[in-house]
Amino acid sequence: MIKVLIAEDEIPLLRGIKTMIEKLNPEFSVVMCAHNGKEAITYLKSNRVDVIFTDINMPLADGIEVMDYANEKYPEAAKVVISGYSDFSYAQQAIRCGVKEYLLKPIVKEELEKTLQNISERYTSMLMKKQKERLAEAVYTGKPAKPGEKLQMVYFCAGPLIRDGMEENIVECDFWRGMDIESVAAGLLTEASCVYSFEKNQANEKILLIVPENEADLAVFARKMLEEMKEKGIQITAAFHEGLLETHEIPMVSHQLRRKLQENILFGESSVIEGDADSTVTPYPAGDDIFYSLGRELSDTRKEVFLKEAEAFFTARKIRQKECLQIISRILQSMEEQTLAAIGSEEEREETIWNLILYSSDVRQLFLNLRQMLDERKIYRKAESSENLMKKVECYIIENMAEPITAAVLASEFGLVAPYLSTLFKEYSGYTLSQYIQKIRLDRAKNLLEMDEEILAKDVAEMVGYPNPLYFSKVFKKKIGVYPSEYRKNKLERKREGDRS
């Protein structure tokens, strides 16, 4: 219920406005009819309201005084001026008090109805914003929001589920393509009063929290979401929590759902994980020696035959991402044994494999990338032959720090396949591309936070290439140990202590 205070010294008009408001929109309840500005202010001292209708010219205290007091006490309350004066000076004063609606006497029913509708929409939007802020705190800090609030949860991943440490290789639009997942979900969930999405471990992972009027069938909903995303060319995997949960359970349940995704997400294919696994998948047997056997037969002339047979093996099956990682590792190992062209250390091989998965949308793309990477290794086998190219890559990163730079962007710019470009850069700098991009961005962010006390953290985020300030704060906290605001506060305190000493 939206609580309304009316301040009007003309008693018949006051009663008429009260009656019209409650007849026109049942969401509104008039809780106070004040005969002058002083009565209105006295009521506001101890009672909260959501909307204030006030005349401008009243005895004891005028409408401007009422709105000034309300701005201090309840700044979010909507304010509507009722006046018989059409003089622009009154409108100017009202605007300075934050008034968005202005009604002239005599009040026209249609104008009042439109005003109530505008206020109702803004009020609903404000409540949803506050609710999302509460839920965000529960999602990211584990702090319970509204006690007893019942929710439903779905965990979505667009594209592959990537490991920690590769955050900079993920750009949200690459996977979600600017899709407003909240709007799409709300259109499919007629049982929901509100739907909120929150970014999780990586930018391509989101949890959807549903505030249901009636409990939704999440299995049906998740399959509908897959169809919606498929039409837009977006590959997603969904896992959902059976039943309702409370806000204090959000971190635990989201962790459980992500573990379910880790175990069951398919490579290059959308799916809904129901129960503990996707029953349509034929798992790759861990003891299968097909790739080792193929590799033993490999020679330079047999390489393409080997890759075609491996690709056919993939194409004939639905393979989980975790098994795909194992298989690609086996393929690379087999090829290294035959060609004596090692990828590098175990860590570098793992990074290369993850990049192959990350930049391959399906089996065909995976093997195209693998072939190109193997060909490029012949050209750039020696570190010294690639050093000049990597210097150019490094300069490009520094000069375009505020832009959405990823290995895929750099690969396109410099004509190399993304997985191998990252490997070359690691040999050159000691950092993978994702590590280096993240390092220079965070170093720049620290400098900006220290240099300028006035600049907002969200502006710092944008200046160093993080369009999502919440994601920037999360990455900063993970790598630096404190949130950006805390980092600045600590630095300023140390500086002041140094100045005093």
Protein backbone atom coordinates (compact mmCIF):
# COMPACT_ATOMS: atom_id res chain seq x y z
CA MET A 1 0.00 0.00 0.00
CA ILE A 2 1.28 3.46 -0.96
CA LYS A 3 0.74 5.88 1.93
CA VAL A 4 -0.44 9.40 1.03
CA LEU A 5 -0.49 12.69 2.94
CA ILE A 6 -2.63 15.55 1.59
CA ALA A 7 -2.05 19.13 2.80
CA GLU A 8 -4.79 21.52 1.65
CA ASP A 9 -6.48 24.39 3.52
CA GLU A 10 -9.70 24.28 1.44
CA ILE A 11 -11.65 21.54 3.29
CA PRO A 12 -14.10 20.56 0.49
CA LEU A 13 -11.22 20.27 -1.96
CA LEU A 14 -9.20 18.24 0.56
CA ARG A 15 -12.05 15.73 0.94
CA GLY A 16 -12.61 15.61 -2.79
CA ILE A 17 -8.95 14.83 -3.52
CA LYS A 18 -8.93 12.07 -0.88
CA THR A 19 -12.02 10.44 -2.36
CA MET A 20 -10.74 10.67 -5.93
CA ILE A 21 -7.32 9.19 -5.08
CA GLU A 22 -8.74 6.15 -3.31
CA LYS A 23 -11.36 5.53 -6.03
CA LEU A 24 -8.97 5.96 -8.94
CA ASN A 25 -6.20 3.66 -7.69
CA PRO A 26 -6.63 1.13 -4.84
CA GLU A 27 -2.82 0.96 -4.39
CA PHE A 28 -3.00 4.35 -2.65
CA SER A 29 -4.22 4.92 0.89
CA VAL A 30 -4.66 8.45 2.29
CA VAL A 31 -3.31 8.24 5.85
CA MET A 32 -3.36 11.96 6.70
CA CYS A 33 -5.44 15.00 5.69
CA ALA A 34 -3.68 18.14 6.95
CA HIS A 35 -5.56 21.44 7.00
CA ASN A 36 -2.37 23.51 6.85
CA GLY A 37 1.38 23.15 6.42
CA LYS A 38 2.09 23.02 10.15
CA GLU A 39 -0.21 20.02 10.64
CA ALA A 40 1.52 18.26 7.75
CA ILE A 41 4.99 18.87 9.21
CA THR A 42 3.90 17.74 12.68
CA TYR A 43 2.58 14.48 11.23
CA LEU A 44 5.73 13.90 9.19
CA LYS A 45 7.90 14.22 12.30
CA SER A 46 6.73 10.82 13.51
CA ASN A 47 5.09 9.15 10.50
CA ARG A 48 6.52 7.97 7.22
CA VAL A 49 4.60 8.49 3.98
CA ASP A 50 5.32 7.60 0.36
CA VAL A 51 3.51 10.50 -1.39
CA ILE A 52 2.79 14.11 -0.41
CA PHE A 53 0.10 16.15 -2.17
CA THR A 54 0.39 19.75 -0.99
CA ASP A 55 -1.04 23.13 -1.84
CA ILE A 56 1.54 25.91 -2.18
CA ASN A 57 -0.31 28.75 -0.46
CA MET A 58 -1.39 27.62 3.05
CA PRO A 59 -1.49 29.22 6.52
CA LEU A 60 1.12 28.59 9.29
CA ALA A 61 3.49 26.86 6.85
CA ASP A 62 3.29 26.87 3.06
CA GLY A 63 3.78 23.96 0.66
CA ILE A 64 7.43 24.78 0.01
CA GLU A 65 8.18 24.46 3.75
CA VAL A 66 6.34 21.13 3.83
CA MET A 67 8.39 19.82 0.90
CA ASP A 68 11.67 21.12 2.34
CA TYR A 69 10.96 19.24 5.59
CA ALA A 70 9.90 16.11 3.70
CA ASN A 71 13.12 16.24 1.64
CA GLU A 72 15.16 16.08 4.85
CA LYS A 73 13.04 13.41 6.54
CA TYR A 74 11.86 11.25 3.60
CA PRO A 75 13.81 12.24 0.48
CA GLU A 76 12.43 9.33 -1.56
CA ALA A 77 8.78 10.34 -1.02
CA ALA A 78 7.01 11.53 -4.18
CA LYS A 79 5.82 15.14 -4.06
CA VAL A 80 2.87 16.63 -5.95
CA VAL A 81 2.01 20.33 -5.92
CA ILE A 82 -1.66 21.34 -5.99
CA SER A 83 -2.17 25.02 -6.68
CA GLY A 84 -4.62 27.52 -8.04
CA TYR A 85 -1.65 29.62 -9.15
CA SER A 86 -0.32 29.15 -12.64
CA ASP A 87 2.54 31.56 -11.98
CA PHE A 88 5.82 30.05 -13.18
CA SER A 89 7.66 31.13 -10.00
CA TYR A 90 5.71 28.54 -7.99
CA ALA A 91 6.60 25.83 -10.46
CA GLN A 92 10.27 26.83 -10.22
CA GLN A 93 10.24 26.53 -6.42
CA ALA A 94 8.49 23.17 -6.66
CA ILE A 95 11.05 21.82 -9.13
CA ARG A 96 13.87 22.81 -6.76
CA CYS A 97 12.13 20.70 -4.09
CA GLY A 98 12.21 17.65 -6.32
CA VAL A 99 8.60 17.82 -7.49
CA LYS A 100 7.86 15.80 -10.63
CA GLU A 101 4.09 16.39 -10.77
CA TYR A 102 2.16 19.68 -10.72
CA LEU A 103 -1.67 19.82 -10.64
CA LEU A 104 -3.72 23.00 -11.12
CA LYS A 105 -7.09 23.64 -9.48
CA PRO A 106 -9.72 22.63 -10.29
CA ILE A 107 -8.25 19.12 -10.45
CA VAL A 108 -9.15 17.15 -13.56
CA LYS A 109 -9.84 13.46 -12.91
CA GLU A 110 -7.81 12.29 -15.92
CA GLU A 111 -4.79 14.37 -14.85
CA LEU A 112 -4.91 12.97 -11.31
CA GLU A 113 -5.24 9.42 -12.63
CA LYS A 114 -2.19 9.91 -14.86
CA THR A 115 -0.26 11.37 -11.90
CA LEU A 116 -1.11 8.37 -9.70
CA GLN A 117 -0.01 5.98 -12.45
CA ASN A 118 3.34 7.76 -12.83
CA ILE A 119 3.91 7.68 -9.05
CA SER A 120 2.94 4.01 -8.86
CA GLU A 121 5.45 3.07 -11.58
CA ARG A 122 8.25 5.02 -9.90
CA TYR A 123 7.34 3.54 -6.49
CA THR A 124 7.41 -0.02 -7.86
CA SER A 125 10.74 0.66 -9.56
CA MET A 126 12.19 2.04 -6.31
CA LEU A 127 11.03 -1.02 -4.33
CA MET A 128 12.56 -3.36 -6.91
CA LYS A 129 15.84 -1.43 -6.84
CA LYS A 130 15.99 -1.70 -3.04
CA GLN A 131 15.10 -5.37 -3.16
CA LYS A 132 17.84 -6.05 -5.71
CA GLU A 133 20.37 -4.16 -3.54
CA ARG A 134 19.41 -6.32 -0.55
CA LEU A 135 19.69 -9.49 -2.57
CA ALA A 136 23.01 -8.38 -4.06
CA GLU A 137 24.40 -8.07 -0.55
CA ALA A 138 23.23 -11.61 0.18
CA VAL A 139 24.73 -12.89 -3.10
CA TYR A 140 28.14 -11.24 -2.74
CA THR A 141 28.67 -11.04 1.03
CA GLY A 142 26.48 -13.82 2.39
CA LYS A 143 24.62 -11.34 4.60
CA PRO A 144 20.94 -12.37 4.89
CA ALA A 145 18.47 -9.95 3.34
CA LYS A 146 14.78 -9.90 4.33
CA PRO A 147 14.11 -12.72 6.83
CA GLY A 148 11.54 -15.24 5.63
CA GLU A 149 11.71 -14.08 1.99
CA LYS A 150 11.30 -17.11 -0.27
CA LEU A 151 13.17 -17.34 -3.57
CA GLN A 152 13.90 -19.68 -6.46
CA MET A 153 17.32 -19.90 -8.10
CA VAL A 154 18.70 -20.84 -11.52
CA TYR A 155 22.44 -20.78 -12.35
CA PHE A 156 23.25 -19.97 -15.98
CA CYS A 157 26.56 -20.20 -17.81
CA ALA A 158 26.89 -18.82 -21.35
CA GLY A 159 29.62 -20.66 -23.24
CA PRO A 160 32.22 -22.65 -21.30
CA LEU A 161 32.59 -22.66 -17.53
CA ILE A 162 36.12 -21.32 -17.15
CA ARG A 163 38.60 -21.63 -14.33
CA ASP A 164 39.63 -18.86 -11.94
CA GLY A 165 42.49 -16.69 -13.18
CA MET A 166 41.08 -16.27 -16.70
CA GLU A 167 38.70 -13.42 -15.82
CA GLU A 168 40.24 -11.02 -18.33
CA ASN A 169 39.61 -13.45 -21.19
CA ILE A 170 35.87 -13.15 -20.55
CA VAL A 171 33.92 -10.23 -21.95
CA GLU A 172 30.21 -10.45 -21.12
CA CYS A 173 28.98 -9.38 -24.53
CA ASP A 174 30.97 -12.16 -26.20
CA PHE A 175 28.66 -14.70 -24.60
CA TRP A 176 25.43 -12.91 -23.64
CA ARG A 177 25.63 -10.47 -26.61
CA GLY A 178 24.07 -7.66 -24.63
CA MET A 179 21.06 -9.82 -23.72
CA ASP A 180 18.94 -8.50 -20.84
CA ILE A 181 18.43 -11.83 -19.13
CA GLU A 182 16.09 -10.34 -16.51
CA SER A 183 13.65 -9.11 -19.17
CA VAL A 184 13.74 -12.38 -21.10
CA ALA A 185 13.19 -14.41 -17.93
CA ALA A 186 10.41 -12.13 -16.69
CA GLY A 187 8.59 -12.63 -20.00
CA LEU A 188 8.69 -16.40 -19.50
CA LEU A 189 7.86 -16.44 -15.78
CA THR A 190 4.24 -15.46 -15.35
CA GLU A 191 4.40 -16.87 -11.80
CA ALA A 192 7.04 -14.33 -10.70
CA SER A 193 6.55 -10.92 -9.17
CA CYS A 194 10.23 -9.97 -9.63
CA VAL A 195 13.25 -11.49 -11.39
CA TYR A 196 16.84 -10.41 -10.66
CA SER A 197 20.14 -11.51 -12.22
CA PHE A 198 23.59 -11.28 -10.65
CA GLU A 199 27.01 -11.93 -12.13
CA LYS A 200 28.87 -14.70 -10.35
CA ASN A 201 32.41 -16.14 -10.55
CA GLN A 202 32.96 -14.98 -14.12
CA ALA A 203 31.22 -12.49 -16.39
CA ASN A 204 29.58 -15.27 -18.42
CA GLU A 205 28.01 -16.81 -15.30
CA LYS A 206 24.78 -15.47 -13.81
CA ILE A 207 22.41 -16.54 -11.11
CA LEU A 208 18.75 -15.70 -11.53
CA LEU A 209 16.79 -15.09 -8.32
CA ILE A 210 13.04 -15.34 -8.73
CA VAL A 211 10.58 -13.88 -6.22
CA PRO A 212 7.55 -16.07 -6.98
CA GLU A 213 3.90 -15.28 -6.49
CA ASN A 214 3.38 -18.99 -7.17
CA GLU A 215 6.28 -21.46 -7.30
CA ALA A 216 7.46 -21.82 -10.90
CA ASP A 217 8.40 -25.08 -12.63
CA LEU A 218 12.09 -24.30 -13.15
CA ALA A 219 12.75 -27.31 -15.40
CA VAL A 220 10.17 -26.02 -17.88
CA PHE A 221 11.42 -22.45 -17.51
CA ALA A 222 15.08 -23.42 -18.07
CA ARG A 223 14.20 -25.30 -21.27
CA LYS A 224 12.27 -22.26 -22.54
CA MET A 225 15.29 -20.07 -21.79
CA LEU A 226 17.48 -22.42 -23.82
CA GLU A 227 15.13 -22.04 -26.78
CA GLU A 228 15.09 -18.24 -26.45
CA MET A 229 18.90 -18.11 -26.30
CA LYS A 230 19.31 -20.60 -29.14
CA GLU A 231 17.31 -18.30 -31.45
CA LYS A 232 19.78 -15.54 -30.63
CA GLY A 233 22.80 -17.80 -31.19
CA ILE A 234 23.74 -17.97 -27.50
CA GLN A 235 24.85 -21.28 -25.97
CA ILE A 236 23.85 -21.63 -22.31
CA THR A 237 23.80 -24.30 -19.63
CA ALA A 238 21.32 -24.13 -16.77
CA ALA A 239 21.20 -25.79 -13.34
CA PHE A 240 18.44 -25.03 -10.87
CA HIS A 241 17.60 -25.51 -7.21
CA GLU A 242 14.59 -27.67 -6.44
CA GLY A 243 12.09 -25.85 -4.22
CA LEU A 244 12.27 -22.54 -2.38
CA LEU A 245 15.20 -21.08 -0.44
CA GLU A 246 15.80 -18.15 1.90
CA THR A 247 18.34 -15.39 1.40
CA HIS A 248 20.88 -16.79 3.87
CA GLU A 249 21.06 -19.95 1.71
CA ILE A 250 21.99 -18.11 -1.51
CA PRO A 251 25.83 -18.50 -1.27
CA MET A 252 25.64 -22.19 -0.36
CA VAL A 253 23.08 -23.07 -3.05
CA SER A 254 24.87 -21.09 -5.79
CA HIS A 255 28.10 -22.93 -4.90
CA GLN A 256 26.29 -26.28 -5.16
CA LEU A 257 24.80 -25.37 -8.54
CA ARG A 258 28.17 -24.28 -9.90
CA ARG A 259 29.68 -27.60 -8.81
CA LYS A 260 26.86 -29.33 -10.69
CA LEU A 261 27.74 -27.28 -13.77
CA GLN A 262 31.44 -28.17 -13.43
CA GLU A 263 30.60 -31.86 -13.46
CA ASN A 264 28.02 -31.86 -16.23
CA ILE A 265 28.38 -28.88 -18.59
CA LEU A 266 28.66 -30.02 -22.22
CA PHE A 267 31.26 -28.77 -24.65
CA GLY A 268 29.79 -26.61 -27.42
CA GLU A 269 26.16 -27.47 -26.67
CA SER A 270 23.32 -26.01 -24.58
CA SER A 271 21.72 -28.17 -21.91
CA VAL A 272 19.59 -28.16 -18.76
CA ILE A 273 21.08 -30.14 -15.91
CA GLU A 274 18.29 -31.78 -13.97
CA GLY A 275 18.97 -33.77 -10.83
CA ASP A 276 22.66 -34.66 -10.63
CA ALA A 277 23.45 -34.92 -14.33
CA ASP A 278 22.27 -34.64 -17.92
CA SER A 279 21.05 -38.18 -18.67
CA THR A 280 21.40 -37.67 -22.44
CA VAL A 281 25.21 -37.64 -22.26
CA THR A 282 27.35 -40.66 -23.04
CA PRO A 283 30.44 -40.05 -20.87
CA TYR A 284 33.88 -40.40 -22.39
CA PRO A 285 35.47 -43.44 -20.70
CA ALA A 286 38.49 -42.29 -18.71
CA GLY A 287 40.52 -45.38 -19.71
CA ASP A 288 39.92 -45.02 -23.45
CA ASP A 289 43.28 -45.14 -25.24
CA ILE A 290 42.03 -44.06 -28.67
CA PHE A 291 43.97 -40.79 -28.71
CA TYR A 292 47.16 -42.30 -27.38
CA SER A 293 46.93 -45.03 -30.07
CA LEU A 294 46.30 -42.50 -32.80
CA GLY A 295 49.20 -40.46 -31.57
CA ARG A 296 51.61 -43.38 -31.70
CA GLU A 297 50.86 -43.74 -35.39
CA LEU A 298 51.34 -40.02 -36.03
CA SER A 299 53.86 -38.67 -38.49
CA ASP A 300 53.98 -35.39 -40.36
CA THR A 301 51.94 -36.91 -43.20
CA ARG A 302 49.47 -38.52 -40.77
CA LYS A 303 48.74 -35.38 -38.75
CA GLU A 304 45.63 -34.39 -40.70
CA VAL A 305 44.29 -37.96 -40.63
CA PHE A 306 44.78 -38.00 -36.89
CA LEU A 307 42.95 -34.68 -36.42
CA LYS A 308 40.07 -35.75 -38.66
CA GLU A 309 39.61 -38.99 -36.71
CA ALA A 310 39.73 -37.07 -33.41
CA GLU A 311 37.19 -34.54 -34.70
CA ALA A 312 34.89 -37.38 -35.84
CA PHE A 313 35.12 -38.90 -32.35
CA PHE A 314 33.97 -35.57 -30.84
CA THR A 315 31.22 -34.98 -33.39
CA ALA A 316 29.63 -38.39 -32.77
CA ARG A 317 29.20 -37.76 -29.04
CA LYS A 318 27.93 -35.27 -26.48
CA ILE A 319 31.06 -34.69 -24.44
CA ARG A 320 31.24 -32.96 -21.09
CA GLN A 321 33.62 -30.03 -20.86
CA LYS A 322 35.76 -31.70 -18.18
CA GLU A 323 36.24 -34.73 -20.47
CA CYS A 324 36.95 -32.46 -23.43
CA LEU A 325 39.81 -30.92 -21.45
CA GLN A 326 41.22 -34.39 -20.79
CA ILE A 327 40.93 -35.40 -24.44
CA ILE A 328 42.58 -32.25 -25.81
CA SER A 329 45.40 -32.77 -23.30
CA ARG A 330 45.81 -36.34 -24.59
CA ILE A 331 45.85 -35.13 -28.22
CA LEU A 332 48.53 -32.51 -27.51
CA GLN A 333 50.57 -35.03 -25.53
CA SER A 334 50.40 -37.54 -28.39
CA MET A 335 51.45 -34.94 -30.92
CA GLU A 336 54.31 -33.70 -28.77
CA GLU A 337 55.63 -37.25 -28.45
CA GLN A 338 55.65 -37.63 -32.22
CA THR A 339 56.84 -34.17 -33.30
CA LEU A 340 59.10 -33.34 -30.33
CA ALA A 341 57.53 -29.86 -30.37
CA ALA A 342 56.52 -29.47 -26.74
CA ILE A 343 53.98 -26.83 -25.79
CA GLY A 344 56.00 -25.95 -22.73
CA SER A 345 55.55 -26.48 -19.02
CA GLU A 346 52.54 -28.24 -17.52
CA GLU A 347 51.10 -24.85 -16.57
CA GLU A 348 51.55 -23.51 -20.12
CA ARG A 349 49.93 -26.61 -21.60
CA GLU A 350 46.97 -26.22 -19.26
CA GLU A 351 46.63 -22.55 -20.21
CA THR A 352 46.74 -23.48 -23.91
CA ILE A 353 44.05 -26.13 -23.48
CA TRP A 354 41.77 -23.75 -21.58
CA ASN A 355 42.21 -21.11 -24.29
CA LEU A 356 41.29 -23.66 -26.95
CA ILE A 357 38.07 -24.43 -25.06
CA LEU A 358 37.33 -20.76 -24.38
CA TYR A 359 37.70 -19.57 -27.97
CA SER A 360 35.94 -22.51 -29.63
CA SER A 361 32.15 -22.36 -29.82
CA ASP A 362 31.79 -25.92 -31.15
CA VAL A 363 33.75 -29.00 -32.27
CA ARG A 364 34.46 -27.61 -35.75
CA GLN A 365 35.88 -24.36 -34.34
CA LEU A 366 37.92 -26.30 -31.78
CA PHE A 367 39.73 -28.30 -34.41
CA LEU A 368 40.19 -25.29 -36.70
CA ASN A 369 41.89 -23.50 -33.78
CA LEU A 370 43.95 -26.58 -32.97
CA ARG A 371 45.17 -26.93 -36.56
CA GLN A 372 46.03 -23.23 -36.82
CA MET A 373 47.84 -23.31 -33.49
CA LEU A 374 49.98 -26.27 -34.57
CA ASP A 375 50.83 -24.55 -37.86
CA GLU A 376 51.75 -21.30 -36.07
CA ARG A 377 54.04 -23.18 -33.69
CA LYS A 378 56.24 -24.01 -36.67
CA ILE A 379 56.54 -20.32 -37.56
CA TYR A 380 57.05 -18.99 -34.03
CA ARG A 381 58.79 -22.00 -32.47
CA LYS A 382 61.71 -19.94 -31.17
CA ALA A 383 61.14 -17.21 -28.61
CA GLU A 384 63.44 -14.78 -30.40
CA SER A 385 61.39 -14.98 -33.61
CA SER A 386 58.28 -13.82 -31.77
CA GLU A 387 59.78 -11.22 -29.41
CA ASN A 388 59.19 -8.22 -31.67
CA LEU A 389 55.62 -9.27 -32.30
CA MET A 390 54.98 -9.66 -28.56
CA LYS A 391 56.40 -6.18 -27.91
CA LYS A 392 53.80 -4.83 -30.32
CA VAL A 393 51.10 -6.80 -28.50
CA GLU A 394 52.26 -5.35 -25.18
CA CYS A 395 52.17 -1.78 -26.52
CA TYR A 396 48.71 -2.33 -27.96
CA ILE A 397 47.41 -3.54 -24.58
CA ILE A 398 48.84 -0.52 -22.72
CA GLU A 399 47.55 1.99 -25.28
CA ASN A 400 44.05 0.47 -25.34
CA MET A 401 43.67 -0.33 -21.65
CA ALA A 402 40.20 1.24 -21.37
CA GLU A 403 38.88 -0.85 -24.27
CA PRO A 404 37.46 -4.40 -23.99
CA ILE A 405 40.75 -6.20 -24.79
CA THR A 406 40.72 -9.99 -24.82
CA ALA A 407 42.91 -12.68 -26.36
CA ALA A 408 40.33 -12.97 -29.14
CA VAL A 409 40.57 -9.23 -29.91
CA LEU A 410 44.38 -9.40 -29.93
CA ALA A 411 44.38 -12.53 -32.06
CA SER A 412 42.28 -10.75 -34.68
CA GLU A 413 44.51 -7.65 -34.50
CA PHE A 414 47.78 -9.56 -34.90
CA GLY A 415 46.68 -12.50 -37.07
CA LEU A 416 47.30 -15.36 -34.66
CA VAL A 417 44.93 -17.90 -33.13
CA ALA A 418 44.03 -16.84 -29.58
CA PRO A 419 45.29 -19.93 -27.68
CA TYR A 420 48.74 -19.77 -29.23
CA LEU A 421 49.02 -16.00 -28.93
CA SER A 422 48.52 -16.39 -25.19
CA THR A 423 51.23 -19.07 -25.08
CA LEU A 424 53.71 -16.84 -26.96
CA PHE A 425 52.97 -13.91 -24.67
CA LYS A 426 53.60 -16.08 -21.59
CA GLU A 427 57.01 -17.03 -22.99
CA TYR A 428 57.77 -13.36 -23.62
CA SER A 429 56.50 -11.73 -20.41
CA GLY A 430 56.03 -14.43 -17.79
CA TYR A 431 52.30 -13.63 -17.74
CA THR A 432 49.45 -15.06 -19.74
CA LEU A 433 47.50 -12.44 -21.67
CA SER A 434 44.67 -12.53 -19.14
CA GLN A 435 47.09 -12.14 -16.21
CA TYR A 436 48.94 -9.27 -17.85
CA ILE A 437 45.81 -7.36 -18.88
CA GLN A 438 44.41 -7.71 -15.38
CA LYS A 439 47.72 -6.67 -13.79
CA ILE A 440 48.14 -3.42 -15.72
CA ARG A 441 44.48 -2.50 -15.24
CA LEU A 442 44.64 -3.01 -11.50
CA ASP A 443 47.99 -1.18 -11.24
CA ARG A 444 46.47 1.77 -13.10
CA ALA A 445 43.35 1.62 -10.90
CA LYS A 446 45.49 1.78 -7.75
CA ASN A 447 47.31 4.84 -9.09
CA LEU A 448 44.05 6.61 -9.90
CA LEU A 449 42.56 5.83 -6.47
CA GLU A 450 45.67 7.19 -4.76
CA MET A 451 46.05 10.32 -6.90
CA ASP A 452 42.51 11.69 -6.86
CA GLU A 453 40.27 11.58 -3.78
CA GLU A 454 37.28 12.93 -5.70
CA ILE A 455 37.11 10.40 -8.53
CA LEU A 456 34.44 7.73 -7.98
CA ALA A 457 35.38 4.05 -7.96
CA LYS A 458 32.87 3.40 -10.77
CA ASP A 459 34.64 6.02 -12.91
CA VAL A 460 38.02 4.43 -12.14
CA ALA A 461 36.54 1.10 -13.24
CA GLU A 462 35.49 2.52 -16.61
CA MET A 463 38.82 4.29 -17.13
CA VAL A 464 40.76 1.04 -16.79
CA GLY A 465 38.45 -1.08 -18.94
CA TYR A 466 35.86 -2.47 -16.53
CA PRO A 467 32.41 -1.29 -17.73
CA ASN A 468 30.76 -3.18 -14.85
CA PRO A 469 31.82 -1.45 -11.58
CA LEU A 470 30.52 -4.32 -9.43
CA TYR A 471 32.70 -6.80 -11.34
CA PHE A 472 35.66 -4.40 -11.02
CA SER A 473 35.20 -4.28 -7.23
CA LYS A 474 35.02 -8.07 -7.07
CA VAL A 475 38.22 -8.55 -9.10
CA PHE A 476 40.01 -5.78 -7.14
CA LYS A 477 39.09 -7.38 -3.82
CA LYS A 478 40.17 -10.82 -5.02
CA LYS A 479 43.58 -9.68 -6.28
CA ILE A 480 44.45 -6.75 -3.96
CA GLY A 481 42.75 -8.01 -0.81
CA VAL A 482 40.45 -5.04 -0.20
CA TYR A 483 37.69 -3.23 -2.09
CA PRO A 484 38.67 -0.06 -4.03
CA SER A 485 37.10 2.26 -1.42
CA GLU A 486 39.02 0.51 1.37
CA TYR A 487 42.26 0.68 -0.63
CA ARG A 488 41.90 4.45 -1.07
CA LYS A 489 40.96 4.96 2.60
CA ASN A 490 43.99 2.96 3.79
CA LYS A 491 46.36 4.86 1.49
CA LEU A 492 45.01 8.25 2.57
CA GLU A 493 45.29 7.35 6.25
CA ARG A 494 48.93 6.25 5.79
CA LYS A 495 49.64 9.47 3.90
CA ARG A 496 48.16 11.63 6.68
CA GLU A 497 50.11 9.71 9.31
CA GLY A 498 53.27 10.29 7.29
CA ASP A 499 52.51 14.01 6.97
CA ARG A 500 51.98 14.33 10.74
CA SER A 501 55.23 12.57 11.52
